Amino acid sequence: MGRISATLEVVGVLGVTGLGLRTVGFAPVWDGVSAVTPTTSELDVGATLRRVERWGRWVPGARLCLPQALAGAALLRRHGVPGELVIGVRGSPFEAHAWLVHEGQTVLGAREQPGYTPIWRAPF
């Protein structure tokens, strides 16, 4: 996949997840991610997730960690790359954060992850 088509794929998925979270909520969006049919096409995981972080700042509704993590999970699943979506919390003041894990390593949302206690994990 070329750079332009990979970027368009990322922007499209970010837009759908951001809009979905705002209109129908988390559960239906997660169900959609879980329903993505995996393929065996090659994917540069690092480059794809850097695009998610970079373009997530500009796509309306995708600025926060949750839409970016959902978009990243959908993209990895689509290309047959297994992983795990993790949601964690910390208190005083209460905050939540979402990140992705692949092969035991945090691959999206790592900078913000320290100090959060995982409360929900879901493989994809």
PDB file of N, CA and C in Angstrom:
ATOM      1  N   MET A   1       0.847  -1.168   0.000  1.00  0.00           N
ATOM      2  CA  MET A   1       0.000   0.000   0.000  1.00  0.00           C
ATOM      3  C   MET A   1       0.890   1.229   0.000  1.00  0.00           C
ATOM      4  N   GLY A   2       0.597   2.184  -0.852  1.00  0.00           N
ATOM      5  CA  GLY A   2       1.376   3.413  -0.938  1.00  0.00           C
ATOM      6  C   GLY A   2       1.089   4.348   0.227  1.00  0.00           C
ATOM      7  N   ARG A   3       1.950   5.347   0.375  1.00  0.00           N
ATOM      8  CA  ARG A   3       1.807   6.298   1.480  1.00  0.00           C
ATOM      9  C   ARG A   3       0.480   7.038   1.443  1.00  0.00           C
ATOM     10  N   ILE A   4       0.083   7.468   0.252  1.00  0.00           N
ATOM     11  CA  ILE A   4      -1.158   8.244   0.146  1.00  0.00           C
ATOM     12  C   ILE A   4      -2.365   7.374   0.478  1.00  0.00           C
ATOM     13  N   SER A   5      -2.422   6.174  -0.073  1.00  0.00           N
ATOM     14  CA  SER A   5      -3.568   5.307   0.217  1.00  0.00           C
ATOM     15  C   SER A   5      -3.582   4.882   1.687  1.00  0.00           C
ATOM     16  N   ALA A   6      -2.401   4.671   2.286  1.00  0.00           N
ATOM     17  CA  ALA A   6      -2.334   4.318   3.709  1.00  0.00           C
ATOM     18  C   ALA A   6      -2.829   5.486   4.562  1.00  0.00           C
ATOM     19  N   THR A   7      -2.464   6.698   4.193  1.00  0.00           N
ATOM     20  CA  THR A   7      -2.913   7.878   4.931  1.00  0.00           C
ATOM     21  C   THR A   7      -4.422   8.059   4.790  1.00  0.00           C
ATOM     22  N   LEU A   8      -4.945   7.873   3.589  1.00  0.00           N
ATOM     23  CA  LEU A   8      -6.390   7.987   3.389  1.00  0.00           C
ATOM     24  C   LEU A   8      -7.147   6.937   4.193  1.00  0.00           C
ATOM     25  N   GLU A   9      -6.612   5.725   4.258  1.00  0.00           N
ATOM     26  CA  GLU A   9      -7.234   4.678   5.056  1.00  0.00           C
ATOM     27  C   GLU A   9      -7.283   5.099   6.527  1.00  0.00           C
ATOM     28  N   VAL A  10      -6.178   5.610   7.052  1.00  0.00           N
ATOM     29  CA  VAL A  10      -6.108   6.037   8.448  1.00  0.00           C
ATOM     30  C   VAL A  10      -7.097   7.168   8.714  1.00  0.00           C
ATOM     31  N   VAL A  11      -7.109   8.177   7.853  1.00  0.00           N
ATOM     32  CA  VAL A  11      -8.003   9.328   8.047  1.00  0.00           C
ATOM     33  C   VAL A  11      -9.464   8.872   8.012  1.00  0.00           C
ATOM     34  N   GLY A  12      -9.800   7.984   7.092  1.00  0.00           N
ATOM     35  CA  GLY A  12     -11.172   7.480   7.010  1.00  0.00           C
ATOM     36  C   GLY A  12     -11.591   6.731   8.256  1.00  0.00           C
ATOM     37  N   VAL A  13     -10.726   5.864   8.744  1.00  0.00           N
ATOM     38  CA  VAL A  13     -11.059   5.080   9.942  1.00  0.00           C
ATOM     39  C   VAL A  13     -11.126   5.992  11.168  1.00  0.00           C
ATOM     40  N   LEU A  14     -10.237   6.968  11.268  1.00  0.00           N
ATOM     41  CA  LEU A  14     -10.310   7.926  12.376  1.00  0.00           C
ATOM     42  C   LEU A  14     -11.636   8.691  12.341  1.00  0.00           C
ATOM     43  N   GLY A  15     -12.050   9.111  11.163  1.00  0.00           N
ATOM     44  CA  GLY A  15     -13.311   9.838  11.036  1.00  0.00           C
ATOM     45  C   GLY A  15     -14.499   9.002  11.459  1.00  0.00           C
ATOM     46  N   VAL A  16     -14.517   7.756  11.036  1.00  0.00           N
ATOM     47  CA  VAL A  16     -15.629   6.856  11.376  1.00  0.00           C
ATOM     48  C   VAL A  16     -15.662   6.577  12.881  1.00  0.00           C
ATOM     49  N   THR A  17     -14.510   6.299  13.488  1.00  0.00           N
ATOM     50  CA  THR A  17     -14.511   6.002  14.925  1.00  0.00           C
ATOM     51  C   THR A  17     -14.872   7.244  15.736  1.00  0.00           C
ATOM     52  N   GLY A  18     -14.337   8.393  15.359  1.00  0.00           N
ATOM     53  CA  GLY A  18     -14.666   9.622  16.083  1.00  0.00           C
ATOM     54  C   GLY A  18     -16.147   9.953  15.996  1.00  0.00           C
ATOM     55  N   LEU A  19     -16.706   9.881  14.793  1.00  0.00           N
ATOM     56  CA  LEU A  19     -18.131  10.147  14.608  1.00  0.00           C
ATOM     57  C   LEU A  19     -18.975   9.098  15.320  1.00  0.00           C
ATOM     58  N   GLY A  20     -18.572   7.847  15.230  1.00  0.00           N
ATOM     59  CA  GLY A  20     -19.306   6.779  15.891  1.00  0.00           C
ATOM     60  C   GLY A  20     -19.369   6.957  17.394  1.00  0.00           C
ATOM     61  N   LEU A  21     -18.246   7.315  18.009  1.00  0.00           N
ATOM     62  CA  LEU A  21     -18.239   7.526  19.457  1.00  0.00           C
ATOM     63  C   LEU A  21     -19.182   8.652  19.859  1.00  0.00           C
ATOM     64  N   ARG A  22     -19.239   9.688  19.051  1.00  0.00           N
ATOM     65  CA  ARG A  22     -20.104  10.832  19.375  1.00  0.00           C
ATOM     66  C   ARG A  22     -21.580  10.542  19.137  1.00  0.00           C
ATOM     67  N   THR A  23     -21.881   9.669  18.199  1.00  0.00           N
ATOM     68  CA  THR A  23     -23.285   9.461  17.845  1.00  0.00           C
ATOM     69  C   THR A  23     -23.905   8.212  18.450  1.00  0.00           C
ATOM     70  N   VAL A  24     -23.169   7.104  18.507  1.00  0.00           N
ATOM     71  CA  VAL A  24     -23.756   5.855  19.006  1.00  0.00           C
ATOM     72  C   VAL A  24     -23.058   5.317  20.244  1.00  0.00           C
ATOM     73  N   GLY A  25     -21.892   5.822  20.594  1.00  0.00           N
ATOM     74  CA  GLY A  25     -21.208   5.396  21.804  1.00  0.00           C
ATOM     75  C   GLY A  25     -20.184   4.293  21.586  1.00  0.00           C
ATOM     76  N   PHE A  26     -19.552   3.923  22.682  1.00  0.00           N
ATOM     77  CA  PHE A  26     -18.430   2.991  22.630  1.00  0.00           C
ATOM     78  C   PHE A  26     -18.816   1.591  22.167  1.00  0.00           C
ATOM     79  N   ALA A  27     -19.835   0.999  22.780  1.00  0.00           N
ATOM     80  CA  ALA A  27     -20.147  -0.417  22.516  1.00  0.00           C
ATOM     81  C   ALA A  27     -20.392  -0.705  21.036  1.00  0.00           C
ATOM     82  N   PRO A  28     -21.218   0.077  20.334  1.00  0.00           N
ATOM     83  CA  PRO A  28     -21.405  -0.217  18.906  1.00  0.00           C
ATOM     84  C   PRO A  28     -20.134  -0.011  18.072  1.00  0.00           C
ATOM     85  N   VAL A  29     -19.318   0.968  18.461  1.00  0.00           N
ATOM     86  CA  VAL A  29     -18.067   1.183  17.716  1.00  0.00           C
ATOM     87  C   VAL A  29     -17.123   0.001  17.955  1.00  0.00           C
ATOM     88  N   TRP A  30     -17.014  -0.465  19.208  1.00  0.00           N
ATOM     89  CA  TRP A  30     -16.164  -1.625  19.496  1.00  0.00           C
ATOM     90  C   TRP A  30     -16.682  -2.851  18.762  1.00  0.00           C
ATOM     91  N   ASP A  31     -18.016  -3.019  18.715  1.00  0.00           N
ATOM     92  CA  ASP A  31     -18.591  -4.142  17.971  1.00  0.00           C
ATOM     93  C   ASP A  31     -18.186  -4.072  16.502  1.00  0.00           C
ATOM     94  N   GLY A  32     -18.161  -2.855  15.953  1.00  0.00           N
ATOM     95  CA  GLY A  32     -17.732  -2.674  14.563  1.00  0.00           C
ATOM     96  C   GLY A  32     -16.273  -3.034  14.369  1.00  0.00           C
ATOM     97  N   VAL A  33     -15.430  -2.617  15.298  1.00  0.00           N
ATOM     98  CA  VAL A  33     -14.003  -2.970  15.228  1.00  0.00           C
ATOM     99  C   VAL A  33     -13.850  -4.483  15.294  1.00  0.00           C
ATOM    100  N   SER A  34     -14.571  -5.111  16.212  1.00  0.00           N
ATOM    101  CA  SER A  34     -14.479  -6.557  16.389  1.00  0.00           C
ATOM    102  C   SER A  34     -14.992  -7.323  15.176  1.00  0.00           C
ATOM    103  N   ALA A  35     -15.866  -6.696  14.389  1.00  0.00           N
ATOM    104  CA  ALA A  35     -16.454  -7.362  13.224  1.00  0.00           C
ATOM    105  C   ALA A  35     -15.620  -7.204  11.954  1.00  0.00           C
ATOM    106  N   VAL A  36     -14.559  -6.394  12.025  1.00  0.00           N
ATOM    107  CA  VAL A  36     -13.708  -6.204  10.849  1.00  0.00           C
ATOM    108  C   VAL A  36     -13.122  -7.552  10.445  1.00  0.00           C
ATOM    109  N   THR A  37     -13.228  -7.882   9.177  1.00  0.00           N
ATOM    110  CA  THR A  37     -12.701  -9.144   8.675  1.00  0.00           C
ATOM    111  C   THR A  37     -11.195  -9.008   8.429  1.00  0.00           C
ATOM    112  N   PRO A  38     -10.398  -9.798   9.145  1.00  0.00           N
ATOM    113  CA  PRO A  38      -8.948  -9.710   8.962  1.00  0.00           C
ATOM    114  C   PRO A  38      -8.514 -10.234   7.584  1.00  0.00           C
ATOM    115  N   THR A  39      -7.505  -9.612   7.047  1.00  0.00           N
ATOM    116  CA  THR A  39      -6.871 -10.079   5.821  1.00  0.00           C
ATOM    117  C   THR A  39      -5.425 -10.410   6.154  1.00  0.00           C
ATOM    118  N   THR A  40      -4.703 -10.871   5.190  1.00  0.00           N
ATOM    119  CA  THR A  40      -3.296 -11.188   5.431  1.00  0.00           C
ATOM    120  C   THR A  40      -2.380 -10.195   4.723  1.00  0.00           C
ATOM    121  N   SER A  41      -2.887  -9.010   4.410  1.00  0.00           N
ATOM    122  CA  SER A  41      -2.045  -8.020   3.737  1.00  0.00           C
ATOM    123  C   SER A  41      -0.982  -7.496   4.702  1.00  0.00           C
ATOM    124  N   GLU A  42       0.140  -7.111   4.127  1.00  0.00           N
ATOM    125  CA  GLU A  42       1.245  -6.617   4.942  1.00  0.00           C
ATOM    126  C   GLU A  42       0.942  -5.232   5.466  1.00  0.00           C
ATOM    127  N   LEU A  43       1.454  -4.954   6.664  1.00  0.00           N
ATOM    128  CA  LEU A  43       1.236  -3.664   7.293  1.00  0.00           C
ATOM    129  C   LEU A  43       2.473  -3.295   8.090  1.00  0.00           C
ATOM    130  N   ASP A  44       2.932  -2.074   7.915  1.00  0.00           N
ATOM    131  CA  ASP A  44       3.989  -1.533   8.755  1.00  0.00           C
ATOM    132  C   ASP A  44       3.300  -0.964   9.988  1.00  0.00           C
ATOM    133  N   VAL A  45       3.303  -1.731  11.079  1.00  0.00           N
ATOM    134  CA  VAL A  45       2.559  -1.367  12.284  1.00  0.00           C
ATOM    135  C   VAL A  45       3.002  -0.004  12.803  1.00  0.00           C
ATOM    136  N   GLY A  46       4.297   0.212  12.913  1.00  0.00           N
ATOM    137  CA  GLY A  46       4.807   1.476  13.435  1.00  0.00           C
ATOM    138  C   GLY A  46       4.380   2.664  12.604  1.00  0.00           C
ATOM    139  N   ALA A  47       4.523   2.568  11.288  1.00  0.00           N
ATOM    140  CA  ALA A  47       4.147   3.673  10.410  1.00  0.00           C
ATOM    141  C   ALA A  47       2.649   3.938  10.466  1.00  0.00           C
ATOM    142  N   THR A  48       1.859   2.876  10.514  1.00  0.00           N
ATOM    143  CA  THR A  48       0.405   3.042  10.563  1.00  0.00           C
ATOM    144  C   THR A  48      -0.024   3.742  11.844  1.00  0.00           C
ATOM    145  N   LEU A  49       0.521   3.327  12.971  1.00  0.00           N
ATOM    146  CA  LEU A  49       0.122   3.931  14.236  1.00  0.00           C
ATOM    147  C   LEU A  49       0.676   5.343  14.400  1.00  0.00           C
ATOM    148  N   ARG A  50       1.815   5.641  13.788  1.00  0.00           N
ATOM    149  CA  ARG A  50       2.294   7.035  13.770  1.00  0.00           C
ATOM    150  C   ARG A  50       1.330   7.900  12.968  1.00  0.00           C
ATOM    151  N   ARG A  51       0.789   7.363  11.874  1.00  0.00           N
ATOM    152  CA  ARG A  51      -0.216   8.101  11.101  1.00  0.00           C
ATOM    153  C   ARG A  51      -1.475   8.337  11.937  1.00  0.00           C
ATOM    154  N   VAL A  52      -1.880   7.325  12.696  1.00  0.00           N
ATOM    155  CA  VAL A  52      -3.060   7.480  13.556  1.00  0.00           C
ATOM    156  C   VAL A  52      -2.832   8.632  14.536  1.00  0.00           C
ATOM    157  N   GLU A  53      -1.689   8.655  15.197  1.00  0.00           N
ATOM    158  CA  GLU A  53      -1.400   9.731  16.155  1.00  0.00           C
ATOM    159  C   GLU A  53      -1.297  11.087  15.465  1.00  0.00           C
ATOM    160  N   ARG A  54      -0.614  11.131  14.327  1.00  0.00           N
ATOM    161  CA  ARG A  54      -0.421  12.391  13.612  1.00  0.00           C
ATOM    162  C   ARG A  54      -1.743  12.942  13.092  1.00  0.00           C
ATOM    163  N   TRP A  55      -2.506  12.128  12.370  1.00  0.00           N
ATOM    164  CA  TRP A  55      -3.746  12.602  11.756  1.00  0.00           C
ATOM    165  C   TRP A  55      -4.878  12.701  12.759  1.00  0.00           C
ATOM    166  N   GLY A  56      -4.776  11.978  13.879  1.00  0.00           N
ATOM    167  CA  GLY A  56      -5.791  12.086  14.920  1.00  0.00           C
ATOM    168  C   GLY A  56      -5.899  13.491  15.485  1.00  0.00           C
ATOM    169  N   ARG A  57      -4.830  14.249  15.405  1.00  0.00           N
ATOM    170  CA  ARG A  57      -4.863  15.637  15.883  1.00  0.00           C
ATOM    171  C   ARG A  57      -5.698  16.536  14.982  1.00  0.00           C
ATOM    172  N   TRP A  58      -5.902  16.122  13.736  1.00  0.00           N
ATOM    173  CA  TRP A  58      -6.568  16.978  12.747  1.00  0.00           C
ATOM    174  C   TRP A  58      -7.963  16.507  12.358  1.00  0.00           C
ATOM    175  N   VAL A  59      -8.250  15.229  12.532  1.00  0.00           N
ATOM    176  CA  VAL A  59      -9.559  14.707  12.143  1.00  0.00           C
ATOM    177  C   VAL A  59     -10.567  15.040  13.241  1.00  0.00           C
ATOM    178  N   PRO A  60     -11.668  15.718  12.892  1.00  0.00           N
ATOM    179  CA  PRO A  60     -12.663  16.068  13.911  1.00  0.00           C
ATOM    180  C   PRO A  60     -13.162  14.837  14.661  1.00  0.00           C
ATOM    181  N   GLY A  61     -13.195  14.943  15.986  1.00  0.00           N
ATOM    182  CA  GLY A  61     -13.676  13.863  16.826  1.00  0.00           C
ATOM    183  C   GLY A  61     -12.653  12.787  17.137  1.00  0.00           C
ATOM    184  N   ALA A  62     -11.438  12.915  16.608  1.00  0.00           N
ATOM    185  CA  ALA A  62     -10.435  11.855  16.793  1.00  0.00           C
ATOM    186  C   ALA A  62      -9.222  12.333  17.576  1.00  0.00           C
ATOM    187  N   ARG A  63      -9.348  13.435  18.262  1.00  0.00           N
ATOM    188  CA  ARG A  63      -8.202  14.022  18.946  1.00  0.00           C
ATOM    189  C   ARG A  63      -7.797  13.267  20.221  1.00  0.00           C
ATOM    190  N   LEU A  64      -8.751  12.612  20.852  1.00  0.00           N
ATOM    191  CA  LEU A  64      -8.483  11.943  22.131  1.00  0.00           C
ATOM    192  C   LEU A  64      -7.984  10.514  21.930  1.00  0.00           C
ATOM    193  N   CYS A  65      -7.538   9.909  23.017  1.00  0.00           N
ATOM    194  CA  CYS A  65      -6.932   8.578  22.946  1.00  0.00           C
ATOM    195  C   CYS A  65      -7.918   7.490  22.538  1.00  0.00           C
ATOM    196  N   LEU A  66      -9.179   7.560  22.969  1.00  0.00           N
ATOM    197  CA  LEU A  66     -10.109   6.471  22.681  1.00  0.00           C
ATOM    198  C   LEU A  66     -10.405   6.324  21.191  1.00  0.00           C
ATOM    199  N   PRO A  67     -10.768   7.395  20.478  1.00  0.00           N
ATOM    200  CA  PRO A  67     -10.974   7.196  19.039  1.00  0.00           C
ATOM    201  C   PRO A  67      -9.711   6.764  18.314  1.00  0.00           C
ATOM    202  N   GLN A  68      -8.555   7.241  18.751  1.00  0.00           N
ATOM    203  CA  GLN A  68      -7.308   6.820  18.118  1.00  0.00           C
ATOM    204  C   GLN A  68      -7.016   5.352  18.391  1.00  0.00           C
ATOM    205  N   ALA A  69      -7.261   4.894  19.622  1.00  0.00           N
ATOM    206  CA  ALA A  69      -7.029   3.492  19.946  1.00  0.00           C
ATOM    207  C   ALA A  69      -7.995   2.593  19.177  1.00  0.00           C
ATOM    208  N   LEU A  70      -9.254   3.008  19.057  1.00  0.00           N
ATOM    209  CA  LEU A  70     -10.228   2.215  18.301  1.00  0.00           C
ATOM    210  C   LEU A  70      -9.859   2.168  16.822  1.00  0.00           C
ATOM    211  N   ALA A  71      -9.441   3.305  16.280  1.00  0.00           N
ATOM    212  CA  ALA A  71      -9.025   3.334  14.872  1.00  0.00           C
ATOM    213  C   ALA A  71      -7.804   2.455  14.662  1.00  0.00           C
ATOM    214  N   GLY A  72      -6.830   2.553  15.558  1.00  0.00           N
ATOM    215  CA  GLY A  72      -5.641   1.705  15.457  1.00  0.00           C
ATOM    216  C   GLY A  72      -5.987   0.236  15.532  1.00  0.00           C
ATOM    217  N   ALA A  73      -6.896  -0.124  16.439  1.00  0.00           N
ATOM    218  CA  ALA A  73      -7.317  -1.523  16.559  1.00  0.00           C
ATOM    219  C   ALA A  73      -7.998  -1.999  15.280  1.00  0.00           C
ATOM    220  N   ALA A  74      -8.863  -1.169  14.708  1.00  0.00           N
ATOM    221  CA  ALA A  74      -9.554  -1.538  13.460  1.00  0.00           C
ATOM    222  C   ALA A  74      -8.555  -1.742  12.328  1.00  0.00           C
ATOM    223  N   LEU A  75      -7.569  -0.850  12.234  1.00  0.00           N
ATOM    224  CA  LEU A  75      -6.572  -0.954  11.160  1.00  0.00           C
ATOM    225  C   LEU A  75      -5.698  -2.191  11.330  1.00  0.00           C
ATOM    226  N   LEU A  76      -5.242  -2.443  12.549  1.00  0.00           N
ATOM    227  CA  LEU A  76      -4.410  -3.627  12.777  1.00  0.00           C
ATOM    228  C   LEU A  76      -5.207  -4.893  12.504  1.00  0.00           C
ATOM    229  N   ARG A  77      -6.442  -4.954  13.015  1.00  0.00           N
ATOM    230  CA  ARG A  77      -7.275  -6.141  12.786  1.00  0.00           C
ATOM    231  C   ARG A  77      -7.512  -6.351  11.300  1.00  0.00           C
ATOM    232  N   ARG A  78      -7.798  -5.273  10.570  1.00  0.00           N
ATOM    233  CA  ARG A  78      -8.059  -5.381   9.137  1.00  0.00           C
ATOM    234  C   ARG A  78      -6.896  -6.029   8.396  1.00  0.00           C
ATOM    235  N   HIS A  79      -5.685  -5.770   8.871  1.00  0.00           N
ATOM    236  CA  HIS A  79      -4.490  -6.309   8.216  1.00  0.00           C
ATOM    237  C   HIS A  79      -3.968  -7.568   8.899  1.00  0.00           C
ATOM    238  N   GLY A  80      -4.794  -8.180   9.755  1.00  0.00           N
ATOM    239  CA  GLY A  80      -4.434  -9.451  10.373  1.00  0.00           C
ATOM    240  C   GLY A  80      -3.388  -9.362  11.461  1.00  0.00           C
ATOM    241  N   VAL A  81      -3.223  -8.189  12.055  1.00  0.00           N
ATOM    242  CA  VAL A  81      -2.230  -8.008  13.117  1.00  0.00           C
ATOM    243  C   VAL A  81      -2.964  -8.075  14.458  1.00  0.00           C
ATOM    244  N   PRO A  82      -2.661  -9.074  15.298  1.00  0.00           N
ATOM    245  CA  PRO A  82      -3.358  -9.187  16.576  1.00  0.00           C
ATOM    246  C   PRO A  82      -2.862  -8.158  17.582  1.00  0.00           C
ATOM    247  N   GLY A  83      -3.718  -7.844  18.516  1.00  0.00           N
ATOM    248  CA  GLY A  83      -3.343  -6.908  19.566  1.00  0.00           C
ATOM    249  C   GLY A  83      -4.400  -6.871  20.636  1.00  0.00           C
ATOM    250  N   GLU A  84      -4.285  -5.867  21.502  1.00  0.00           N
ATOM    251  CA  GLU A  84      -5.205  -5.738  22.612  1.00  0.00           C
ATOM    252  C   GLU A  84      -5.464  -4.252  22.851  1.00  0.00           C
ATOM    253  N   LEU A  85      -6.743  -3.904  23.019  1.00  0.00           N
ATOM    254  CA  LEU A  85      -7.136  -2.556  23.414  1.00  0.00           C
ATOM    255  C   LEU A  85      -7.246  -2.558  24.932  1.00  0.00           C
ATOM    256  N   VAL A  86      -6.608  -1.591  25.577  1.00  0.00           N
ATOM    257  CA  VAL A  86      -6.618  -1.503  27.036  1.00  0.00           C
ATOM    258  C   VAL A  86      -7.149  -0.130  27.433  1.00  0.00           C
ATOM    259  N   ILE A  87      -8.028  -0.130  28.431  1.00  0.00           N
ATOM    260  CA  ILE A  87      -8.512   1.123  29.010  1.00  0.00           C
ATOM    261  C   ILE A  87      -8.117   1.106  30.475  1.00  0.00           C
ATOM    262  N   GLY A  88      -7.508   2.195  30.916  1.00  0.00           N
ATOM    263  CA  GLY A  88      -7.062   2.295  32.292  1.00  0.00           C
ATOM    264  C   GLY A  88      -7.520   3.592  32.927  1.00  0.00           C
ATOM    265  N   VAL A  89      -7.437   3.641  34.257  1.00  0.00           N
ATOM    266  CA  VAL A  89      -7.850   4.828  35.007  1.00  0.00           C
ATOM    267  C   VAL A  89      -6.800   5.171  36.050  1.00  0.00           C
ATOM    268  N   ARG A  90      -6.851   6.404  36.488  1.00  0.00           N
ATOM    269  CA  ARG A  90      -6.100   6.835  37.668  1.00  0.00           C
ATOM    270  C   ARG A  90      -6.931   7.922  38.349  1.00  0.00           C
ATOM    271  N   GLY A  91      -6.688   8.106  39.623  1.00  0.00           N
ATOM    272  CA  GLY A  91      -7.532   9.027  40.370  1.00  0.00           C
ATOM    273  C   GLY A  91      -6.828  10.286  40.800  1.00  0.00           C
ATOM    274  N   SER A  92      -7.628  11.200  41.316  1.00  0.00           N
ATOM    275  CA  SER A  92      -7.200  12.444  41.952  1.00  0.00           C
ATOM    276  C   SER A  92      -6.340  13.341  41.076  1.00  0.00           C
ATOM    277  N   PRO A  93      -6.878  13.982  40.077  1.00  0.00           N
ATOM    278  CA  PRO A  93      -8.261  13.890  39.612  1.00  0.00           C
ATOM    279  C   PRO A  93      -8.450  12.633  38.748  1.00  0.00           C
ATOM    280  N   PHE A  94      -9.686  12.162  38.694  1.00  0.00           N
ATOM    281  CA  PHE A  94      -9.984  10.966  37.908  1.00  0.00           C
ATOM    282  C   PHE A  94      -9.688  11.229  36.435  1.00  0.00           C
ATOM    283  N   GLU A  95      -8.969  10.296  35.819  1.00  0.00           N
ATOM    284  CA  GLU A  95      -8.681  10.348  34.388  1.00  0.00           C
ATOM    285  C   GLU A  95      -8.727   8.936  33.830  1.00  0.00           C
ATOM    286  N   ALA A  96      -9.031   8.832  32.552  1.00  0.00           N
ATOM    287  CA  ALA A  96      -9.014   7.545  31.865  1.00  0.00           C
ATOM    288  C   ALA A  96      -8.144   7.671  30.623  1.00  0.00           C
ATOM    289  N   HIS A  97      -7.620   6.538  30.178  1.00  0.00           N
ATOM    290  CA  HIS A  97      -6.753   6.533  29.004  1.00  0.00           C
ATOM    291  C   HIS A  97      -6.914   5.202  28.280  1.00  0.00           C
ATOM    292  N   ALA A  98      -6.816   5.232  26.955  1.00  0.00           N
ATOM    293  CA  ALA A  98      -6.887   4.021  26.137  1.00  0.00           C
ATOM    294  C   ALA A  98      -5.578   3.872  25.371  1.00  0.00           C
ATOM    295  N   TRP A  99      -5.101   2.629  25.255  1.00  0.00           N
ATOM    296  CA  TRP A  99      -3.876   2.374  24.503  1.00  0.00           C
ATOM    297  C   TRP A  99      -3.947   1.000  23.864  1.00  0.00           C
ATOM    298  N   LEU A 100      -3.026   0.752  22.936  1.00  0.00           N
ATOM    299  CA  LEU A 100      -2.957  -0.523  22.232  1.00  0.00           C
ATOM    300  C   LEU A 100      -1.681  -1.259  22.589  1.00  0.00           C
ATOM    301  N   VAL A 101      -1.814  -2.578  22.709  1.00  0.00           N
ATOM    302  CA  VAL A 101      -0.676  -3.454  22.991  1.00  0.00           C
ATOM    303  C   VAL A 101      -0.574  -4.455  21.848  1.00  0.00           C
ATOM    304  N   HIS A 102       0.639  -4.657  21.360  1.00  0.00           N
ATOM    305  CA  HIS A 102       0.912  -5.647  20.310  1.00  0.00           C
ATOM    306  C   HIS A 102       2.193  -6.373  20.698  1.00  0.00           C
ATOM    307  N   GLU A 103       2.121  -7.705  20.748  1.00  0.00           N
ATOM    308  CA  GLU A 103       3.263  -8.534  21.121  1.00  0.00           C
ATOM    309  C   GLU A 103       3.885  -8.094  22.441  1.00  0.00           C
ATOM    310  N   GLY A 104       3.019  -7.773  23.421  1.00  0.00           N
ATOM    311  CA  GLY A 104       3.479  -7.418  24.752  1.00  0.00           C
ATOM    312  C   GLY A 104       4.006  -6.007  24.920  1.00  0.00           C
ATOM    313  N   GLN A 105       4.012  -5.213  23.850  1.00  0.00           N
ATOM    314  CA  GLN A 105       4.526  -3.849  23.901  1.00  0.00           C
ATOM    315  C   GLN A 105       3.402  -2.852  23.638  1.00  0.00           C
ATOM    316  N   THR A 106       3.403  -1.737  24.373  1.00  0.00           N
ATOM    317  CA  THR A 106       2.441  -0.679  24.092  1.00  0.00           C
ATOM    318  C   THR A 106       2.870   0.001  22.805  1.00  0.00           C
ATOM    319  N   VAL A 107       1.991   0.001  21.805  1.00  0.00           N
ATOM    320  CA  VAL A 107       2.348   0.535  20.493  1.00  0.00           C
ATOM    321  C   VAL A 107       1.587   1.814  20.145  1.00  0.00           C
ATOM    322  N   LEU A 108       0.576   2.158  20.919  1.00  0.00           N
ATOM    323  CA  LEU A 108      -0.154   3.416  20.714  1.00  0.00           C
ATOM    324  C   LEU A 108      -0.605   3.908  22.077  1.00  0.00           C
ATOM    325  N   GLY A 109      -0.300   5.158  22.393  1.00  0.00           N
ATOM    326  CA  GLY A 109      -0.689   5.722  23.678  1.00  0.00           C
ATOM    327  C   GLY A 109       0.311   5.489  24.788  1.00  0.00           C
ATOM    328  N   ALA A 110       1.540   5.108  24.448  1.00  0.00           N
ATOM    329  CA  ALA A 110       2.544   4.757  25.455  1.00  0.00           C
ATOM    330  C   ALA A 110       3.002   5.955  26.278  1.00  0.00           C
ATOM    331  N   ARG A 111       3.115   7.121  25.652  1.00  0.00           N
ATOM    332  CA  ARG A 111       3.629   8.292  26.379  1.00  0.00           C
ATOM    333  C   ARG A 111       2.749   8.646  27.565  1.00  0.00           C
ATOM    334  N   GLU A 112       1.444   8.468  27.413  1.00  0.00           N
ATOM    335  CA  GLU A 112       0.510   8.849  28.457  1.00  0.00           C
ATOM    336  C   GLU A 112       0.181   7.702  29.407  1.00  0.00           C
ATOM    337  N   GLN A 113       0.611   6.493  29.122  1.00  0.00           N
ATOM    338  CA  GLN A 113       0.182   5.295  29.844  1.00  0.00           C
ATOM    339  C   GLN A 113       0.668   5.182  31.295  1.00  0.00           C
ATOM    340  N   PRO A 114       1.889   5.566  31.657  1.00  0.00           N
ATOM    341  CA  PRO A 114       2.356   5.320  33.027  1.00  0.00           C
ATOM    342  C   PRO A 114       1.401   5.904  34.070  1.00  0.00           C
ATOM    343  N   GLY A 115       1.166   5.113  35.109  1.00  0.00           N
ATOM    344  CA  GLY A 115       0.311   5.565  36.198  1.00  0.00           C
ATOM    345  C   GLY A 115      -1.142   5.158  36.062  1.00  0.00           C
ATOM    346  N   TYR A 116      -1.535   4.597  34.927  1.00  0.00           N
ATOM    347  CA  TYR A 116      -2.918   4.153  34.737  1.00  0.00           C
ATOM    348  C   TYR A 116      -3.038   2.682  35.106  1.00  0.00           C
ATOM    349  N   THR A 117      -4.105   2.343  35.809  1.00  0.00           N
ATOM    350  CA  THR A 117      -4.400   0.960  36.170  1.00  0.00           C
ATOM    351  C   THR A 117      -5.388   0.395  35.159  1.00  0.00           C
ATOM    352  N   PRO A 118      -5.024  -0.654  34.435  1.00  0.00           N
ATOM    353  CA  PRO A 118      -5.953  -1.227  33.457  1.00  0.00           C
ATOM    354  C   PRO A 118      -7.215  -1.758  34.128  1.00  0.00           C
ATOM    355  N   ILE A 119      -8.365  -1.393  33.569  1.00  0.00           N
ATOM    356  CA  ILE A 119      -9.647  -1.903  34.083  1.00  0.00           C
ATOM    357  C   ILE A 119     -10.405  -2.681  33.033  1.00  0.00           C
ATOM    358  N   TRP A 120      -9.970  -2.609  31.774  1.00  0.00           N
ATOM    359  CA  TRP A 120     -10.653  -3.326  30.684  1.00  0.00           C
ATOM    360  C   TRP A 120      -9.637  -3.655  29.613  1.00  0.00           C
ATOM    361  N   ARG A 121      -9.636  -4.900  29.169  1.00  0.00           N
ATOM    362  CA  ARG A 121      -8.738  -5.359  28.105  1.00  0.00           C
ATOM    363  C   ARG A 121      -9.564  -6.176  27.128  1.00  0.00           C
ATOM    364  N   ALA A 122      -9.310  -5.966  25.859  1.00  0.00           N
ATOM    365  CA  ALA A 122     -10.031  -6.743  24.850  1.00  0.00           C
ATOM    366  C   ALA A 122      -9.096  -7.056  23.692  1.00  0.00           C
ATOM    367  N   PRO A 123      -8.906  -8.330  23.401  1.00  0.00           N
ATOM    368  CA  PRO A 123      -8.084  -8.694  22.240  1.00  0.00           C
ATOM    369  C   PRO A 123      -8.821  -8.394  20.948  1.00  0.00           C
ATOM    370  N   PHE A 124      -8.058  -8.147  19.907  1.00  0.00           N
ATOM    371  CA  PHE A 124      -8.656  -7.992  18.583  1.00  0.00           C
ATOM    372  C   PHE A 124      -7.822  -8.744  17.584  1.00  0.00           C
TER     373      PHE A 124
END
